[in-house]
N, C-alpha and C. Protein backbone atom coordinates (compact mmCIF):
# COMPACT_ATOMS: atom_id res chain seq x y z
N MET A 1 -156.34 -4.93 78.79
CA MET A 1 -157.62 -5.10 79.47
C MET A 1 -158.19 -6.47 79.10
N SER A 2 -158.61 -7.20 80.09
CA SER A 2 -159.17 -8.53 79.82
C SER A 2 -160.60 -8.42 79.33
N PRO A 3 -161.00 -9.35 78.45
CA PRO A 3 -162.37 -9.30 77.92
C PRO A 3 -163.39 -9.62 79.00
N ARG A 4 -164.58 -9.11 78.80
CA ARG A 4 -165.66 -9.45 79.72
C ARG A 4 -166.11 -10.87 79.47
N ARG A 5 -166.41 -11.57 80.55
CA ARG A 5 -166.97 -12.91 80.47
C ARG A 5 -168.26 -12.91 81.27
N LYS A 6 -169.14 -13.83 80.94
CA LYS A 6 -170.43 -13.84 81.64
C LYS A 6 -170.91 -15.25 81.90
N VAL A 7 -171.81 -15.35 82.86
CA VAL A 7 -172.45 -16.60 83.24
C VAL A 7 -173.95 -16.39 83.12
N SER A 8 -174.62 -17.38 82.58
CA SER A 8 -176.07 -17.35 82.47
C SER A 8 -176.65 -18.44 83.37
N SER A 9 -177.78 -18.14 84.00
CA SER A 9 -178.46 -19.18 84.78
C SER A 9 -179.43 -19.95 83.90
N GLY A 10 -179.69 -19.42 82.71
CA GLY A 10 -180.66 -20.05 81.83
C GLY A 10 -182.09 -19.65 82.15
N GLY A 11 -182.25 -18.77 83.11
CA GLY A 11 -183.59 -18.33 83.50
C GLY A 11 -184.26 -17.53 82.41
N PRO A 12 -185.59 -17.55 82.36
CA PRO A 12 -186.32 -16.89 81.29
C PRO A 12 -186.19 -15.37 81.31
N PHE A 13 -185.96 -14.78 82.48
CA PHE A 13 -185.89 -13.32 82.55
C PHE A 13 -184.64 -12.77 81.88
N GLU A 14 -183.57 -13.56 81.84
CA GLU A 14 -182.32 -13.08 81.24
C GLU A 14 -182.52 -12.70 79.78
N GLU A 15 -183.19 -13.55 79.02
CA GLU A 15 -183.41 -13.25 77.61
C GLU A 15 -184.42 -12.11 77.44
N VAL A 16 -185.48 -12.15 78.21
CA VAL A 16 -186.53 -11.12 78.09
C VAL A 16 -185.99 -9.73 78.43
N VAL A 17 -185.21 -9.65 79.52
CA VAL A 17 -184.69 -8.37 80.00
C VAL A 17 -183.38 -8.00 79.31
N GLY A 18 -182.58 -9.01 78.95
CA GLY A 18 -181.30 -8.75 78.32
C GLY A 18 -180.19 -8.57 79.34
N TYR A 19 -180.00 -9.54 80.21
CA TYR A 19 -178.93 -9.45 81.21
C TYR A 19 -178.31 -10.82 81.42
N SER A 20 -177.18 -10.84 82.14
CA SER A 20 -176.48 -12.06 82.50
C SER A 20 -176.57 -12.24 84.00
N ARG A 21 -176.50 -13.48 84.48
CA ARG A 21 -176.47 -13.75 85.91
C ARG A 21 -175.25 -13.09 86.54
N ALA A 22 -174.09 -13.20 85.86
CA ALA A 22 -172.86 -12.57 86.36
C ALA A 22 -171.98 -12.16 85.20
N VAL A 23 -171.23 -11.09 85.41
CA VAL A 23 -170.31 -10.59 84.41
C VAL A 23 -168.98 -10.31 85.10
N ALA A 24 -167.89 -10.84 84.51
CA ALA A 24 -166.54 -10.55 84.99
C ALA A 24 -165.95 -9.48 84.10
N ALA A 25 -165.45 -8.42 84.73
CA ALA A 25 -164.80 -7.33 84.01
C ALA A 25 -163.55 -6.96 84.80
N GLY A 26 -162.39 -7.25 84.21
CA GLY A 26 -161.13 -7.01 84.93
C GLY A 26 -161.06 -7.89 86.16
N ASP A 27 -160.74 -7.31 87.29
CA ASP A 27 -160.61 -8.03 88.56
C ASP A 27 -161.94 -8.20 89.29
N PHE A 28 -163.01 -7.69 88.73
CA PHE A 28 -164.30 -7.69 89.42
C PHE A 28 -165.31 -8.62 88.75
N ILE A 29 -166.20 -9.16 89.58
CA ILE A 29 -167.33 -9.95 89.09
C ILE A 29 -168.59 -9.33 89.69
N PHE A 30 -169.52 -9.00 88.83
CA PHE A 30 -170.79 -8.40 89.24
C PHE A 30 -171.89 -9.43 89.05
N VAL A 31 -172.59 -9.76 90.14
CA VAL A 31 -173.67 -10.75 90.07
C VAL A 31 -175.00 -10.01 90.18
N SER A 32 -175.85 -10.23 89.18
CA SER A 32 -177.18 -9.63 89.17
C SER A 32 -177.98 -10.07 90.39
N GLY A 33 -179.03 -9.35 90.69
CA GLY A 33 -179.88 -9.70 91.82
C GLY A 33 -180.37 -11.14 91.73
N CYS A 34 -180.19 -11.87 92.82
CA CYS A 34 -180.61 -13.27 92.90
C CYS A 34 -181.76 -13.39 93.89
N THR A 35 -182.73 -14.20 93.53
CA THR A 35 -183.88 -14.42 94.39
C THR A 35 -184.03 -15.91 94.64
N SER A 36 -185.03 -16.27 95.37
CA SER A 36 -185.27 -17.66 95.72
C SER A 36 -186.24 -18.30 94.73
N VAL A 37 -185.81 -18.34 93.47
CA VAL A 37 -186.58 -18.99 92.42
C VAL A 37 -185.76 -20.16 91.92
N VAL A 38 -186.32 -21.35 92.02
CA VAL A 38 -185.62 -22.57 91.62
C VAL A 38 -186.53 -23.35 90.66
N GLY A 39 -186.01 -23.66 89.50
CA GLY A 39 -186.80 -24.39 88.52
C GLY A 39 -188.05 -23.63 88.11
N GLY A 40 -187.97 -22.32 88.12
CA GLY A 40 -189.10 -21.49 87.72
C GLY A 40 -190.14 -21.26 88.81
N GLU A 41 -189.91 -21.82 90.00
CA GLU A 41 -190.87 -21.69 91.10
C GLU A 41 -190.24 -20.98 92.29
N VAL A 42 -191.04 -20.21 93.01
CA VAL A 42 -190.56 -19.56 94.23
C VAL A 42 -190.33 -20.63 95.29
N ALA A 43 -189.14 -20.65 95.86
CA ALA A 43 -188.80 -21.59 96.93
C ALA A 43 -188.88 -20.87 98.27
N HIS A 44 -189.29 -21.58 99.29
CA HIS A 44 -189.32 -21.08 100.67
C HIS A 44 -190.29 -19.90 100.85
N GLU A 45 -191.47 -20.05 100.27
CA GLU A 45 -192.47 -18.99 100.33
C GLU A 45 -192.73 -18.59 101.78
N GLY A 46 -192.70 -17.29 102.06
CA GLY A 46 -192.98 -16.74 103.39
C GLY A 46 -191.79 -16.74 104.34
N ASP A 47 -190.68 -17.39 103.98
CA ASP A 47 -189.52 -17.51 104.87
C ASP A 47 -188.37 -16.66 104.32
N ILE A 48 -188.23 -15.45 104.82
CA ILE A 48 -187.23 -14.52 104.30
C ILE A 48 -185.81 -15.01 104.55
N THR A 49 -185.56 -15.70 105.67
CA THR A 49 -184.22 -16.21 105.94
C THR A 49 -183.83 -17.27 104.93
N ARG A 50 -184.70 -18.22 104.68
CA ARG A 50 -184.41 -19.27 103.71
C ARG A 50 -184.33 -18.72 102.29
N GLN A 51 -185.16 -17.73 101.99
CA GLN A 51 -185.07 -17.11 100.67
C GLN A 51 -183.72 -16.41 100.51
N ALA A 52 -183.25 -15.75 101.55
CA ALA A 52 -181.94 -15.09 101.48
C ALA A 52 -180.84 -16.13 101.32
N GLU A 53 -180.93 -17.25 102.04
CA GLU A 53 -179.95 -18.33 101.88
C GLU A 53 -179.92 -18.81 100.44
N GLN A 54 -181.10 -19.05 99.87
CA GLN A 54 -181.19 -19.55 98.49
C GLN A 54 -180.60 -18.54 97.52
N ALA A 55 -180.91 -17.26 97.71
CA ALA A 55 -180.39 -16.22 96.83
C ALA A 55 -178.86 -16.15 96.91
N ILE A 56 -178.31 -16.25 98.11
CA ILE A 56 -176.85 -16.22 98.29
C ILE A 56 -176.22 -17.46 97.66
N LEU A 57 -176.86 -18.58 97.80
CA LEU A 57 -176.36 -19.81 97.18
C LEU A 57 -176.30 -19.64 95.65
N ILE A 58 -177.34 -19.10 95.06
CA ILE A 58 -177.37 -18.88 93.62
C ILE A 58 -176.27 -17.91 93.21
N ALA A 59 -176.06 -16.85 94.00
CA ALA A 59 -174.98 -15.91 93.71
C ALA A 59 -173.63 -16.61 93.78
N GLY A 60 -173.45 -17.46 94.78
CA GLY A 60 -172.20 -18.21 94.92
C GLY A 60 -171.95 -19.14 93.75
N GLN A 61 -173.00 -19.75 93.23
CA GLN A 61 -172.85 -20.63 92.07
C GLN A 61 -172.45 -19.82 90.83
N ALA A 62 -173.00 -18.61 90.69
CA ALA A 62 -172.61 -17.75 89.57
C ALA A 62 -171.14 -17.36 89.70
N LEU A 63 -170.70 -17.02 90.91
CA LEU A 63 -169.29 -16.70 91.13
C LEU A 63 -168.40 -17.88 90.78
N ALA A 64 -168.81 -19.07 91.20
CA ALA A 64 -168.02 -20.28 90.92
C ALA A 64 -167.87 -20.49 89.41
N GLY A 65 -168.88 -20.12 88.65
CA GLY A 65 -168.82 -20.25 87.20
C GLY A 65 -167.77 -19.35 86.58
N LEU A 66 -167.29 -18.38 87.35
CA LEU A 66 -166.24 -17.48 86.87
C LEU A 66 -164.97 -17.61 87.71
N GLY A 67 -164.86 -18.71 88.45
CA GLY A 67 -163.64 -18.99 89.19
C GLY A 67 -163.49 -18.26 90.50
N ALA A 68 -164.57 -17.77 91.07
CA ALA A 68 -164.52 -17.04 92.34
C ALA A 68 -165.42 -17.74 93.35
N SER A 69 -165.51 -17.20 94.55
CA SER A 69 -166.35 -17.78 95.59
C SER A 69 -166.92 -16.68 96.48
N LEU A 70 -167.74 -17.08 97.42
CA LEU A 70 -168.29 -16.11 98.37
C LEU A 70 -167.19 -15.42 99.16
N ALA A 71 -166.06 -16.07 99.34
CA ALA A 71 -164.93 -15.48 100.07
C ALA A 71 -164.33 -14.29 99.32
N ASP A 72 -164.63 -14.15 98.02
CA ASP A 72 -164.11 -13.05 97.22
C ASP A 72 -165.06 -11.85 97.19
N VAL A 73 -166.20 -11.95 97.85
CA VAL A 73 -167.21 -10.89 97.80
C VAL A 73 -166.74 -9.67 98.59
N VAL A 74 -166.84 -8.51 97.96
CA VAL A 74 -166.45 -7.25 98.61
C VAL A 74 -167.65 -6.33 98.87
N GLN A 75 -168.77 -6.61 98.22
CA GLN A 75 -169.96 -5.78 98.42
C GLN A 75 -171.22 -6.60 98.18
N THR A 76 -172.24 -6.36 99.00
CA THR A 76 -173.55 -6.97 98.78
C THR A 76 -174.62 -5.89 98.90
N ARG A 77 -175.73 -6.17 98.25
CA ARG A 77 -176.91 -5.33 98.40
C ARG A 77 -178.08 -6.27 98.62
N MET A 78 -178.87 -5.99 99.63
CA MET A 78 -180.05 -6.81 99.91
C MET A 78 -181.28 -5.92 99.80
N TYR A 79 -182.20 -6.36 98.98
CA TYR A 79 -183.46 -5.66 98.79
C TYR A 79 -184.54 -6.50 99.47
N VAL A 80 -185.19 -5.95 100.47
CA VAL A 80 -186.23 -6.67 101.20
C VAL A 80 -187.56 -5.96 101.03
N THR A 81 -188.63 -6.73 101.06
CA THR A 81 -189.96 -6.13 100.88
C THR A 81 -190.57 -5.69 102.20
N ASP A 82 -189.95 -6.05 103.33
CA ASP A 82 -190.44 -5.65 104.64
C ASP A 82 -189.24 -5.44 105.55
N ILE A 83 -188.83 -4.20 105.71
CA ILE A 83 -187.62 -3.88 106.47
C ILE A 83 -187.75 -4.27 107.94
N THR A 84 -188.97 -4.44 108.44
CA THR A 84 -189.11 -4.87 109.83
C THR A 84 -188.59 -6.29 110.04
N ARG A 85 -188.38 -7.01 108.94
CA ARG A 85 -187.85 -8.39 109.01
C ARG A 85 -186.36 -8.43 108.66
N TRP A 86 -185.68 -7.30 108.78
CA TRP A 86 -184.28 -7.21 108.37
C TRP A 86 -183.39 -8.20 109.11
N ARG A 87 -183.65 -8.44 110.39
CA ARG A 87 -182.81 -9.38 111.15
C ARG A 87 -182.87 -10.79 110.58
N GLU A 88 -184.03 -11.18 110.09
CA GLU A 88 -184.18 -12.52 109.51
C GLU A 88 -183.33 -12.66 108.25
N ALA A 89 -183.35 -11.66 107.40
CA ALA A 89 -182.52 -11.69 106.19
C ALA A 89 -181.05 -11.59 106.56
N ALA A 90 -180.75 -10.79 107.57
CA ALA A 90 -179.36 -10.60 107.99
C ALA A 90 -178.75 -11.90 108.53
N GLN A 91 -179.56 -12.79 109.08
CA GLN A 91 -179.04 -14.08 109.57
C GLN A 91 -178.32 -14.84 108.47
N ALA A 92 -178.93 -14.94 107.32
CA ALA A 92 -178.33 -15.67 106.20
C ALA A 92 -177.08 -14.96 105.72
N HIS A 93 -177.13 -13.64 105.68
CA HIS A 93 -175.97 -12.86 105.24
C HIS A 93 -174.80 -13.06 106.21
N GLN A 94 -175.07 -12.99 107.49
CA GLN A 94 -174.02 -13.17 108.50
C GLN A 94 -173.39 -14.55 108.37
N LEU A 95 -174.20 -15.54 108.18
CA LEU A 95 -173.69 -16.91 108.08
C LEU A 95 -172.83 -17.09 106.84
N ALA A 96 -173.23 -16.51 105.73
CA ALA A 96 -172.48 -16.66 104.48
C ALA A 96 -171.25 -15.77 104.43
N PHE A 97 -171.32 -14.58 105.03
CA PHE A 97 -170.27 -13.58 104.85
C PHE A 97 -169.65 -13.06 106.14
N GLY A 98 -169.96 -13.65 107.28
CA GLY A 98 -169.47 -13.14 108.56
C GLY A 98 -167.98 -12.87 108.60
N ASP A 99 -167.16 -13.83 108.17
CA ASP A 99 -165.71 -13.65 108.20
C ASP A 99 -165.22 -12.76 107.07
N VAL A 100 -165.95 -12.72 105.97
CA VAL A 100 -165.58 -11.90 104.82
C VAL A 100 -165.90 -10.43 105.10
N ALA A 101 -167.04 -10.19 105.73
CA ALA A 101 -167.52 -8.86 106.12
C ALA A 101 -167.45 -7.86 104.96
N PRO A 102 -168.19 -8.12 103.87
CA PRO A 102 -168.18 -7.17 102.75
C PRO A 102 -168.94 -5.90 103.11
N ALA A 103 -168.68 -4.85 102.36
CA ALA A 103 -169.51 -3.66 102.47
C ALA A 103 -170.92 -4.08 102.06
N THR A 104 -171.92 -3.59 102.76
CA THR A 104 -173.28 -4.04 102.42
C THR A 104 -174.30 -2.94 102.62
N THR A 105 -175.39 -3.09 101.92
CA THR A 105 -176.54 -2.20 102.05
C THR A 105 -177.78 -3.07 102.06
N MET A 106 -178.73 -2.74 102.92
CA MET A 106 -180.04 -3.39 102.91
C MET A 106 -181.09 -2.29 102.85
N VAL A 107 -181.97 -2.39 101.86
CA VAL A 107 -183.02 -1.40 101.71
C VAL A 107 -184.36 -2.09 101.49
N GLN A 108 -185.42 -1.40 101.84
CA GLN A 108 -186.76 -1.91 101.57
C GLN A 108 -187.19 -1.41 100.20
N VAL A 109 -187.82 -2.31 99.45
CA VAL A 109 -188.39 -1.97 98.16
C VAL A 109 -189.89 -2.23 98.21
N ALA A 110 -190.62 -1.60 97.33
CA ALA A 110 -192.07 -1.77 97.32
C ALA A 110 -192.47 -3.19 96.95
N ALA A 111 -191.73 -3.79 96.01
CA ALA A 111 -192.06 -5.15 95.56
C ALA A 111 -190.91 -5.70 94.74
N LEU A 112 -190.89 -7.02 94.65
CA LEU A 112 -189.97 -7.70 93.73
C LEU A 112 -190.81 -8.25 92.58
N ILE A 113 -190.20 -8.95 91.65
CA ILE A 113 -190.87 -9.37 90.42
C ILE A 113 -192.05 -10.32 90.67
N ASP A 114 -192.03 -11.04 91.77
CA ASP A 114 -193.12 -11.92 92.18
C ASP A 114 -193.47 -11.56 93.62
N PRO A 115 -194.74 -11.32 93.94
CA PRO A 115 -195.09 -10.88 95.30
C PRO A 115 -194.73 -11.89 96.39
N ARG A 116 -194.45 -13.14 96.04
CA ARG A 116 -194.05 -14.13 97.05
C ARG A 116 -192.57 -14.03 97.41
N LEU A 117 -191.83 -13.29 96.61
CA LEU A 117 -190.41 -13.09 96.89
C LEU A 117 -190.24 -11.99 97.93
N LEU A 118 -189.42 -12.25 98.92
CA LEU A 118 -189.24 -11.33 100.04
C LEU A 118 -187.88 -10.65 100.07
N VAL A 119 -186.91 -11.19 99.33
CA VAL A 119 -185.55 -10.65 99.36
C VAL A 119 -184.85 -10.94 98.03
N GLU A 120 -184.01 -10.01 97.62
CA GLU A 120 -183.15 -10.17 96.44
C GLU A 120 -181.75 -9.74 96.86
N VAL A 121 -180.74 -10.46 96.40
CA VAL A 121 -179.36 -10.21 96.82
C VAL A 121 -178.47 -10.03 95.58
N GLU A 122 -177.71 -8.93 95.56
CA GLU A 122 -176.69 -8.69 94.54
C GLU A 122 -175.33 -8.79 95.22
N VAL A 123 -174.32 -9.24 94.50
CA VAL A 123 -172.97 -9.26 95.05
C VAL A 123 -171.97 -8.75 94.02
N VAL A 124 -170.88 -8.20 94.54
CA VAL A 124 -169.73 -7.82 93.74
C VAL A 124 -168.54 -8.51 94.38
N ALA A 125 -167.75 -9.20 93.56
CA ALA A 125 -166.57 -9.90 94.05
C ALA A 125 -165.33 -9.34 93.38
N HIS A 126 -164.19 -9.52 94.04
CA HIS A 126 -162.91 -9.07 93.50
C HIS A 126 -161.91 -10.21 93.57
N ARG A 127 -161.25 -10.46 92.44
CA ARG A 127 -160.19 -11.48 92.37
C ARG A 127 -158.94 -10.80 91.82
N GLU A 128 -157.92 -10.70 92.64
CA GLU A 128 -156.65 -10.10 92.19
C GLU A 128 -156.18 -10.85 90.95
N GLY A 129 -155.87 -10.12 89.89
CA GLY A 129 -155.47 -10.75 88.65
C GLY A 129 -156.65 -11.19 87.81
N GLY A 130 -157.84 -10.95 88.28
CA GLY A 130 -159.05 -11.28 87.54
C GLY A 130 -159.51 -12.69 87.76
N PRO A 131 -160.75 -12.97 87.43
CA PRO A 131 -161.29 -14.33 87.54
C PRO A 131 -160.53 -15.27 86.62
N VAL A 132 -160.68 -16.54 86.84
CA VAL A 132 -160.02 -17.56 86.04
C VAL A 132 -160.36 -17.34 84.57
N ALA A 133 -159.33 -17.39 83.73
CA ALA A 133 -159.53 -17.16 82.30
C ALA A 133 -160.38 -18.26 81.69
N ASP A 134 -161.11 -17.90 80.67
CA ASP A 134 -161.96 -18.83 79.95
C ASP A 134 -161.88 -18.44 78.49
N ASP A 135 -162.18 -19.33 77.60
CA ASP A 135 -162.09 -19.01 76.19
C ASP A 135 -163.44 -18.60 75.59
N GLY A 136 -164.30 -18.06 76.41
CA GLY A 136 -165.58 -17.58 75.92
C GLY A 136 -166.57 -17.46 77.06
N ASP A 137 -167.80 -17.25 76.67
CA ASP A 137 -168.86 -17.14 77.67
C ASP A 137 -169.04 -18.47 78.38
N VAL A 138 -169.36 -18.40 79.64
CA VAL A 138 -169.63 -19.59 80.42
C VAL A 138 -171.14 -19.70 80.53
N ASP A 139 -171.69 -20.80 80.05
CA ASP A 139 -173.14 -20.92 80.03
C ASP A 139 -173.73 -21.45 81.33
N GLU A 140 -172.99 -22.26 82.04
CA GLU A 140 -173.52 -22.88 83.25
C GLU A 140 -172.61 -22.60 84.43
N PRO A 141 -173.17 -22.31 85.62
CA PRO A 141 -172.33 -22.16 86.81
C PRO A 141 -171.62 -23.47 87.11
N ASP A 142 -170.43 -23.36 87.67
CA ASP A 142 -169.65 -24.53 88.05
C ASP A 142 -170.38 -25.30 89.13
N PRO A 143 -170.69 -26.58 88.90
CA PRO A 143 -171.40 -27.34 89.92
C PRO A 143 -170.59 -27.54 91.19
N ALA A 144 -169.29 -27.25 91.14
CA ALA A 144 -168.46 -27.36 92.34
C ALA A 144 -168.54 -26.09 93.18
N GLY A 145 -169.46 -25.20 92.86
CA GLY A 145 -169.63 -23.97 93.62
C GLY A 145 -170.08 -24.29 95.04
N PRO A 146 -170.51 -23.27 95.78
CA PRO A 146 -170.88 -23.49 97.18
C PRO A 146 -172.03 -24.48 97.31
N ARG A 147 -171.98 -25.26 98.34
CA ARG A 147 -173.05 -26.22 98.64
C ARG A 147 -173.95 -25.60 99.70
N PRO A 148 -175.20 -26.02 99.75
CA PRO A 148 -176.10 -25.48 100.76
C PRO A 148 -175.55 -25.63 102.17
N ASP A 149 -174.85 -26.73 102.45
CA ASP A 149 -174.33 -26.94 103.80
C ASP A 149 -173.20 -26.00 104.15
N ASP A 150 -172.65 -25.29 103.16
CA ASP A 150 -171.55 -24.38 103.43
C ASP A 150 -171.97 -23.22 104.33
N PHE A 151 -173.24 -22.83 104.28
CA PHE A 151 -173.66 -21.72 105.12
C PHE A 151 -175.11 -21.83 105.58
N ARG A 152 -175.62 -23.02 105.63
CA ARG A 152 -176.99 -23.27 106.05
C ARG A 152 -177.14 -22.95 107.54
N LEU A 153 -178.26 -22.34 107.88
CA LEU A 153 -178.52 -22.01 109.28
C LEU A 153 -178.76 -23.25 110.12
N ASP A 154 -179.41 -24.24 109.54
CA ASP A 154 -179.61 -25.50 110.24
C ASP A 154 -179.81 -26.60 109.21
N ASP A 155 -179.85 -27.82 109.65
CA ASP A 155 -179.94 -28.93 108.71
C ASP A 155 -181.33 -29.08 108.11
N GLU A 156 -182.29 -28.34 108.57
CA GLU A 156 -183.66 -28.48 108.08
C GLU A 156 -184.07 -27.35 107.15
N SER A 157 -183.11 -26.57 106.65
CA SER A 157 -183.47 -25.36 105.89
C SER A 157 -184.11 -25.66 104.54
N GLY A 158 -183.79 -26.77 103.92
CA GLY A 158 -184.39 -27.09 102.65
C GLY A 158 -183.90 -26.22 101.51
N VAL A 159 -182.73 -25.58 101.64
CA VAL A 159 -182.20 -24.77 100.57
C VAL A 159 -181.92 -25.68 99.38
N ASP A 160 -182.41 -25.30 98.24
CA ASP A 160 -182.23 -26.09 97.02
C ASP A 160 -180.88 -25.71 96.41
N GLU A 161 -180.04 -26.71 96.15
CA GLU A 161 -178.71 -26.42 95.67
C GLU A 161 -178.61 -26.17 94.18
N SER A 162 -179.68 -26.33 93.42
CA SER A 162 -179.61 -26.04 91.99
C SER A 162 -179.77 -24.54 91.77
N ALA A 163 -179.06 -24.02 90.80
CA ALA A 163 -179.11 -22.59 90.54
C ALA A 163 -180.50 -22.16 90.10
N GLY A 164 -181.14 -22.94 89.28
CA GLY A 164 -182.52 -22.68 88.88
C GLY A 164 -182.70 -21.39 88.13
N ASP A 165 -183.93 -21.09 87.84
CA ASP A 165 -184.29 -19.84 87.17
C ASP A 165 -184.45 -18.80 88.23
N THR A 166 -183.81 -17.66 88.04
CA THR A 166 -183.87 -16.61 89.04
C THR A 166 -184.18 -15.29 88.41
N ALA A 167 -184.85 -14.48 89.14
CA ALA A 167 -185.19 -13.14 88.65
C ALA A 167 -184.15 -12.17 89.11
């Protein structure tokens, strides 16, 4: 059995709550819920599509830190604060995962950790033979991970490519 490896975003909630941005166990990588928080600030306030894009980008960067990509995703979960806006959140998901078509669930929640956040995204990825081996914990996501232009809805989205602090 291969040892568990993890990636940290360096966000303040990880230490307070006691979790990792992503954990690789065997052939699977589990990415904690990602939101549109960059540099400790909510990005794209009021825009659920852009927030979903940012959250997926952050998840992709965590996967890259463990040698995987969005193409390896087999399951997603989207938590939205207003289910009537599901199509807006689904746009970002379709763009990022359309060809991959992972199993997915979208549910409405009463609230996220900050009332300005509209969506949170979790992903599970699978890499045959396991993620790329490492000799310990990975502290930073690989900067060669997905770029905002890889799945941006348009050139004006303003998705921030830094992983940032995320809840």
